[in-house]
Protein backbone atom coordinates (compact mmCIF):
# COMPACT_ATOMS: atom_id res chain seq x y z
CA UNK A 1 88.70 138.40 77.89
CA UNK A 2 89.51 135.09 76.24
CA UNK A 3 89.42 131.91 78.30
CA UNK A 4 91.47 128.73 78.24
CA UNK A 5 91.38 125.51 80.22
CA UNK A 6 94.25 123.74 81.95
CA UNK A 7 94.81 121.02 79.37
CA UNK A 8 91.87 118.63 79.26
CA UNK A 9 90.71 119.46 82.80
CA UNK A 10 87.46 121.38 83.36
CA UNK A 11 89.23 124.24 85.18
CA UNK A 12 88.85 127.37 83.08
CA UNK A 13 90.85 130.58 83.42
CA UNK A 14 91.12 133.97 81.81
CA UNK A 15 94.21 134.02 79.56
CA UNK A 16 95.77 136.68 81.77
CA UNK A 17 96.02 136.02 85.50
CA UNK A 18 96.73 138.46 88.29
CA UNK A 19 100.14 137.58 89.75
CA UNK A 20 100.43 138.23 93.45
CA UNK A 21 104.20 138.08 93.98
CA UNK A 22 104.52 141.92 94.04
CA UNK A 23 102.03 141.91 96.96
CA UNK A 24 104.66 140.10 99.06
CA UNK A 25 106.03 142.93 101.15
CA UNK A 26 109.79 142.79 101.45
CA UNK A 27 110.35 141.09 98.07
CA UNK A 28 109.39 143.48 95.27
CA UNK A 29 110.20 146.86 96.79
CA UNK A 30 107.87 149.35 98.54
CA UNK A 31 104.21 149.71 97.57
CA UNK A 32 100.91 150.98 98.91
CA UNK A 33 98.47 148.32 100.19
CA UNK A 34 95.38 150.20 99.09
CA UNK A 35 96.71 150.60 95.56
CA UNK A 36 97.60 146.91 95.46
CA UNK A 37 94.07 145.97 96.45
CA UNK A 38 92.68 148.41 93.88
CA UNK A 39 94.94 146.84 91.22
CA UNK A 40 93.52 143.40 91.92
CA UNK A 41 89.93 144.72 91.80
CA UNK A 42 90.54 146.54 88.52
CA UNK A 43 91.92 143.30 87.08
CA UNK A 44 88.74 141.45 88.08
CA UNK A 45 86.51 144.20 86.67
CA UNK A 46 88.30 143.87 83.34
CA UNK A 47 87.82 140.13 82.96
CA UNK A 48 90.67 138.51 84.87
CA UNK A 49 89.37 135.42 86.67
CA UNK A 50 92.57 133.82 88.02
CA UNK A 51 94.46 135.22 91.02
CA UNK A 52 97.78 133.70 92.02
CA UNK A 53 99.73 134.00 95.25
CA UNK A 54 101.92 131.90 97.56
CA UNK A 55 102.57 131.48 101.27
CA UNK A 56 106.19 132.53 100.77
CA UNK A 57 105.28 135.91 99.23
CA UNK A 58 106.12 138.35 101.98
CA UNK A 59 106.19 135.54 104.54
CA UNK A 60 102.39 135.25 104.44
CA UNK A 61 101.76 138.99 103.88
CA UNK A 62 100.98 138.49 100.21
CA UNK A 63 98.25 135.93 100.97
CA UNK A 64 96.68 138.17 103.60
CA UNK A 65 96.59 141.12 101.20
CA UNK A 66 95.21 138.95 98.40
CA UNK A 67 92.49 137.72 100.75
CA UNK A 68 91.42 141.30 101.41
CA UNK A 69 91.52 142.17 97.72
CA UNK A 70 89.32 139.30 96.47
CA UNK A 71 86.87 138.89 99.35
CA UNK A 72 83.99 140.55 97.46
CA UNK A 73 84.32 138.28 94.42
CA UNK A 74 86.00 135.18 95.83
CA UNK A 75 83.36 132.74 94.50
CA UNK A 76 83.73 134.05 90.95
CA UNK A 77 87.45 133.41 90.48
CA UNK A 78 90.07 130.71 90.35
CA UNK A 79 92.25 131.20 93.43
CA UNK A 80 95.76 129.73 93.24
CA UNK A 81 98.32 129.51 95.98
CA UNK A 82 101.49 127.55 96.60
CA UNK A 83 103.18 125.83 99.51
CA UNK A 84 106.05 123.50 100.53
CA UNK A 85 108.50 126.38 100.58
CA UNK A 86 109.36 127.16 104.17
CA UNK A 87 111.14 130.24 105.54
CA UNK A 88 113.46 130.88 108.42
CA UNK A 89 111.74 133.73 110.23
CA UNK A 90 114.94 134.56 112.10
CA UNK A 91 116.94 135.15 108.93
CA UNK A 92 116.69 138.80 107.83
CA UNK A 93 118.01 138.02 104.35
CA UNK A 94 114.94 136.96 102.39
CA UNK A 95 117.08 135.76 99.50
CA UNK A 96 118.62 133.00 101.61
CA UNK A 97 115.89 132.36 104.19
CA UNK A 98 113.73 130.09 102.05
CA UNK A 99 114.04 126.36 101.46
CA UNK A 100 111.97 123.74 99.64
CA UNK A 101 110.40 121.54 102.32
CA UNK A 102 107.55 119.15 101.57
CA UNK A 103 107.46 117.58 105.01
CA UNK A 104 103.87 116.16 105.03
CA UNK A 105 102.89 117.56 108.41
CA UNK A 106 104.23 121.03 107.62
CA UNK A 107 102.59 120.96 104.17
CA UNK A 108 99.19 119.93 105.55
CA UNK A 109 99.40 122.65 108.19
CA UNK A 110 100.44 125.21 105.60
CA UNK A 111 97.30 124.54 103.56
CA UNK A 112 95.21 125.36 106.63
CA UNK A 113 97.29 128.50 107.23
CA UNK A 114 96.81 129.62 103.65
CA UNK A 115 93.05 129.15 103.92
CA UNK A 116 93.01 131.39 106.99
CA UNK A 117 95.19 134.09 105.45
CA UNK A 118 93.15 134.09 102.22
CA UNK A 119 89.85 134.21 104.18
CA UNK A 120 88.40 131.27 102.23
CA UNK A 121 87.29 127.72 102.91
CA UNK A 122 88.78 126.24 99.75
CA UNK A 123 91.58 126.84 97.25
CA UNK A 124 90.85 126.14 93.60
CA UNK A 125 94.39 125.18 92.64
CA UNK A 126 97.23 124.43 95.05
CA UNK A 127 100.78 124.06 93.77
CA UNK A 128 103.98 122.67 95.23
CA UNK A 129 106.05 125.81 94.91
CA UNK A 130 109.50 124.30 94.47
CA UNK A 131 110.73 120.71 94.27
CA UNK A 132 112.03 119.24 97.49
CA UNK A 133 114.69 116.84 96.25
CA UNK A 134 115.20 115.26 99.67
CA UNK A 135 111.90 113.33 99.49
CA UNK A 136 109.98 111.28 96.93
CA UNK A 137 107.51 113.50 95.11
CA UNK A 138 104.77 111.09 96.09
CA UNK A 139 105.02 112.58 99.61
CA UNK A 140 103.61 116.07 98.81
CA UNK A 141 101.28 114.67 96.18
CA UNK A 142 99.63 112.40 98.74
CA UNK A 143 99.11 115.39 101.04
CA UNK A 144 97.42 117.26 98.18
CA UNK A 145 95.20 114.28 97.36
CA UNK A 146 94.02 114.15 100.96
CA UNK A 147 93.35 117.87 100.91
CA UNK A 148 91.18 117.30 97.82
CA UNK A 149 89.16 114.63 99.63
CA UNK A 150 88.77 116.97 102.60
CA UNK A 151 87.43 119.73 100.32
CA UNK A 152 90.28 122.10 101.05
CA UNK A 153 91.59 122.22 97.48
CA UNK A 154 89.98 121.42 94.13
CA UNK A 155 92.98 120.78 91.88
CA UNK A 156 96.68 120.12 92.34
CA UNK A 157 99.75 121.25 90.41
CA UNK A 158 103.46 121.98 90.67
CA UNK A 159 105.80 124.86 90.06
CA UNK A 160 109.39 124.89 88.74
CA UNK A 161 109.37 121.10 88.19
CA UNK A 162 111.39 119.30 85.52
CA UNK A 163 109.95 116.61 83.24
CA UNK A 164 111.20 113.74 85.42
CA UNK A 165 109.76 115.41 88.52
CA UNK A 166 106.36 115.81 86.87
CA UNK A 167 106.49 112.21 85.69
CA UNK A 168 107.00 110.99 89.23
CA UNK A 169 104.35 113.36 90.64
CA UNK A 170 101.71 112.18 88.17
CA UNK A 171 101.95 108.69 89.61
CA UNK A 172 100.36 109.99 92.84
CA UNK A 173 98.27 112.98 91.79
CA UNK A 174 96.48 114.21 88.67
CA UNK A 175 98.35 117.49 88.50
CA UNK A 176 96.96 119.84 85.86
CA UNK A 177 99.70 122.49 85.61
CA UNK A 178 103.31 123.45 86.05
CA UNK A 179 103.92 127.10 86.84
CA UNK A 180 107.19 128.08 85.21
CA UNK A 181 109.11 131.15 84.15
CA UNK A 182 108.48 131.96 80.49
CA UNK A 183 108.92 135.24 78.68
CA UNK A 184 110.57 136.86 75.67
CA UNK A 185 113.99 136.67 77.30
CA UNK A 186 113.52 133.13 78.68
CA UNK A 187 112.55 130.32 76.30
CA UNK A 188 114.22 127.49 78.22
CA UNK A 189 111.01 125.45 78.76
CA UNK A 190 110.24 125.17 75.06
CA UNK A 191 112.35 122.10 74.26
CA UNK A 192 111.40 119.65 77.03
CA UNK A 193 108.91 120.97 79.57
CA UNK A 194 106.31 122.39 77.23
CA UNK A 195 106.09 119.37 74.87
CA UNK A 196 105.72 117.13 77.94
CA UNK A 197 102.97 119.35 79.35
CA UNK A 198 101.12 119.18 76.05
CA UNK A 199 101.56 115.41 75.76
CA UNK A 200 100.10 114.91 79.23
CA UNK A 201 97.13 117.22 78.54
CA UNK A 202 98.18 119.73 81.18
CA UNK A 203 98.57 123.50 80.95
CA UNK A 204 101.33 126.03 81.66
CA UNK A 205 101.02 128.87 84.14
CA UNK A 206 103.65 131.31 82.89
CA UNK A 207 105.19 133.62 85.45
CA UNK A 208 107.51 136.56 84.77
CA UNK A 209 105.61 137.48 81.60
CA UNK A 210 107.21 140.95 81.58
CA UNK A 211 110.65 139.52 82.44
CA UNK A 212 110.15 140.73 86.02
CA UNK A 213 110.02 144.37 84.90
CA UNK A 214 112.52 144.44 82.05
CA UNK A 215 109.68 144.36 79.51
CA UNK A 216 107.69 147.24 80.97
CA UNK A 217 109.43 150.10 79.16
CA UNK A 218 110.05 151.83 82.49
CA UNK A 219 113.68 150.85 83.06
CA UNK A 220 116.83 152.64 81.95
CA UNK A 221 120.55 151.93 82.14
CA UNK A 222 120.78 153.45 85.63
CA UNK A 223 118.02 151.20 87.03
CA UNK A 224 118.56 150.30 90.69
CA UNK A 225 116.55 148.28 93.20
CA UNK A 226 115.79 148.81 96.87
CA UNK A 227 117.13 146.46 99.53
CA UNK A 228 113.71 144.82 99.86
CA UNK A 229 113.60 143.83 96.17
CA UNK A 230 114.80 140.37 95.13
CA UNK A 231 115.92 141.73 91.75
CA UNK A 232 118.81 143.62 93.29
CA UNK A 233 121.06 140.54 93.00
CA UNK A 234 120.69 140.78 89.15
CA UNK A 235 120.10 137.03 88.82
CA UNK A 236 116.70 135.84 87.71
CA UNK A 237 116.32 132.07 88.02
CA UNK A 238 119.72 131.31 86.59
CA UNK A 239 119.73 134.10 84.00
CA UNK A 240 121.37 137.53 84.13
CA UNK A 241 118.98 139.58 82.03
CA UNK A 242 119.62 142.85 83.87
CA UNK A 243 123.15 142.37 85.11
CA UNK A 244 125.57 145.25 84.57
CA UNK A 245 127.02 143.67 81.44
CA UNK A 246 123.64 142.81 79.88
CA UNK A 247 121.22 145.56 80.84
CA UNK A 248 122.21 148.13 78.23
CA UNK A 249 121.96 145.75 75.26
CA UNK A 250 118.69 144.25 76.53
CA UNK A 251 117.12 147.68 76.92
CA UNK A 252 118.04 148.34 73.31
CA UNK A 253 116.19 145.12 72.44
CA UNK A 254 113.19 146.34 74.42
CA UNK A 255 113.18 149.60 72.50
CA UNK A 256 113.31 147.75 69.16
CA UNK A 257 110.38 145.58 70.19
CA UNK A 258 108.41 148.65 71.25
CA UNK A 259 109.01 150.20 67.83
CA UNK A 260 107.40 147.11 66.29
CA UNK A 261 104.51 147.39 68.70
CA UNK A 262 103.82 150.98 67.73
CA UNK A 263 102.54 149.75 64.39
CA UNK A 264 99.83 147.80 66.25
CA UNK A 265 99.17 150.44 68.92
CA UNK A 266 100.48 148.07 71.60
CA UNK A 267 102.80 148.88 74.52
CA UNK A 268 105.86 146.77 75.27
CA UNK A 269 104.03 145.28 78.28
CA UNK A 270 101.08 144.25 76.14
CA UNK A 271 103.42 142.75 73.54
CA UNK A 272 105.24 140.78 76.25
CA UNK A 273 102.02 139.23 77.53
CA UNK A 274 100.63 138.44 74.10
CA UNK A 275 103.95 136.86 73.11
CA UNK A 276 103.63 134.42 76.01
CA UNK A 277 100.02 133.64 75.03
CA UNK A 278 101.07 132.90 71.44
CA UNK A 279 102.20 129.53 72.76
CA UNK A 280 99.05 127.41 72.97
CA UNK A 281 100.51 125.26 75.77
CA UNK A 282 100.16 128.29 78.02
CA UNK A 283 96.83 128.32 79.85
CA UNK A 284 97.44 131.63 81.60
CA UNK A 285 100.08 134.37 81.54
CA UNK A 286 100.57 135.91 84.98
CA UNK A 287 100.91 139.68 85.15
CA UNK A 288 101.21 141.26 88.57
CA UNK A 289 101.21 144.90 89.61
CA UNK A 290 100.52 146.95 92.72
CA UNK A 291 99.69 150.04 90.66
CA UNK A 292 96.17 150.40 89.23
CA UNK A 293 97.34 152.08 86.00
CA UNK A 294 99.66 149.18 85.27
CA UNK A 295 96.90 146.64 85.86
CA UNK A 296 94.74 148.49 83.32
CA UNK A 297 97.56 148.39 80.77
CA UNK A 298 98.10 144.66 81.30
CA UNK A 299 94.56 143.92 80.07
CA UNK A 300 95.65 144.91 76.56
CA UNK A 301 97.90 141.86 76.49
CA UNK A 302 94.83 139.78 75.64
CA UNK A 303 95.61 140.03 71.95
CA UNK A 304 96.26 137.48 69.21
CA UNK A 305 99.80 138.36 68.14
CA UNK A 306 100.33 137.99 64.38
CA UNK A 307 102.83 135.26 63.45
CA UNK A 308 104.99 137.67 61.46
CA UNK A 309 105.32 140.01 64.46
CA UNK A 310 106.31 137.15 66.76
CA UNK A 311 108.97 136.04 64.27
CA UNK A 312 110.38 139.56 64.13
CA UNK A 313 110.52 139.76 67.93
CA UNK A 314 112.19 136.35 68.16
CA UNK A 315 114.81 137.31 65.58
CA UNK A 316 115.69 140.52 67.46
CA UNK A 317 115.95 138.82 70.86
CA UNK A 318 117.82 135.73 69.74
CA UNK A 319 120.36 137.63 67.65
CA UNK A 320 120.94 140.74 69.79
CA UNK A 321 119.73 139.91 73.30
CA UNK A 322 122.25 139.29 76.08
CA UNK A 323 121.99 136.45 78.64
CA UNK A 324 118.87 135.10 76.96
CA UNK A 325 117.49 131.79 78.20
CA UNK A 326 117.34 129.83 74.98
CA UNK A 327 115.25 126.76 74.24
CA UNK A 328 116.91 123.64 75.64
CA UNK A 329 119.13 125.39 78.17
CA UNK A 330 119.01 123.90 81.66
CA UNK A 331 116.36 125.40 83.94
CA UNK A 332 117.12 126.02 87.63
CA UNK A 333 114.98 123.61 89.72
């Protein structure tokens, strides 16, 4: 598998990363733990060297499961996790129970908790999961810098931060990445965030590469979600890609893209991942799955998409897609 670095840093990653959000029980619907672990191992065996998770995924469950999955090859990978997003354990509604909180004591403690859950003594890349607008961004950055000195983390980064937030953060920490949503149906970062990332010699970690399932070819117009799946509210980070009024037309878009992919012997999932990687500001495209067969399919996304194919896809999505996040539109932070 091809490799890229995070900007001009010396941290190298496979172009596809294993995304651990689906491992967070209670957030992406039901799944089998053993299959999830097998999915992660298959990803590693096929060249994936970056594994991403977060404390908030399943209220710590996702980190614990990730720790089990990677324990045999921990030293050979880039392990990424995220913090500064606290949860109210007494709130049964996981859509409303989380809040951005970069309190320095809580954040420092959460790094130690993540280390324990992941069964490791260091984290390669630690990200501030969501901006806490109630405090200066120097506060969490200083916590991360101390964690670097203590040997608990190697590199620092952010997630879901705007340009001004990154600008402030860089004054206190040499962050090397911003993990943001970026996929065929969401191009919002292209106008401001991505040029800034490139200018500052950083790299993008793109999440939602398959539009959170819309670009898998396995949905239909009667698609429903279980109560333990965040997608049931039909809103994805400010967009409405699979809302009742948009799902039918967007599935038609997916089918058209798949028809283009047939000429290259590529599935819609593989096209979705390679589309993300066509942007050279992207260091790694995250692709998560708890099913081994899906993890095998994701590997085929490591493919250099021809320019003419990307232009055809863009034309279809931008002219016929519904609720598309277009370049320059405001991003939810």
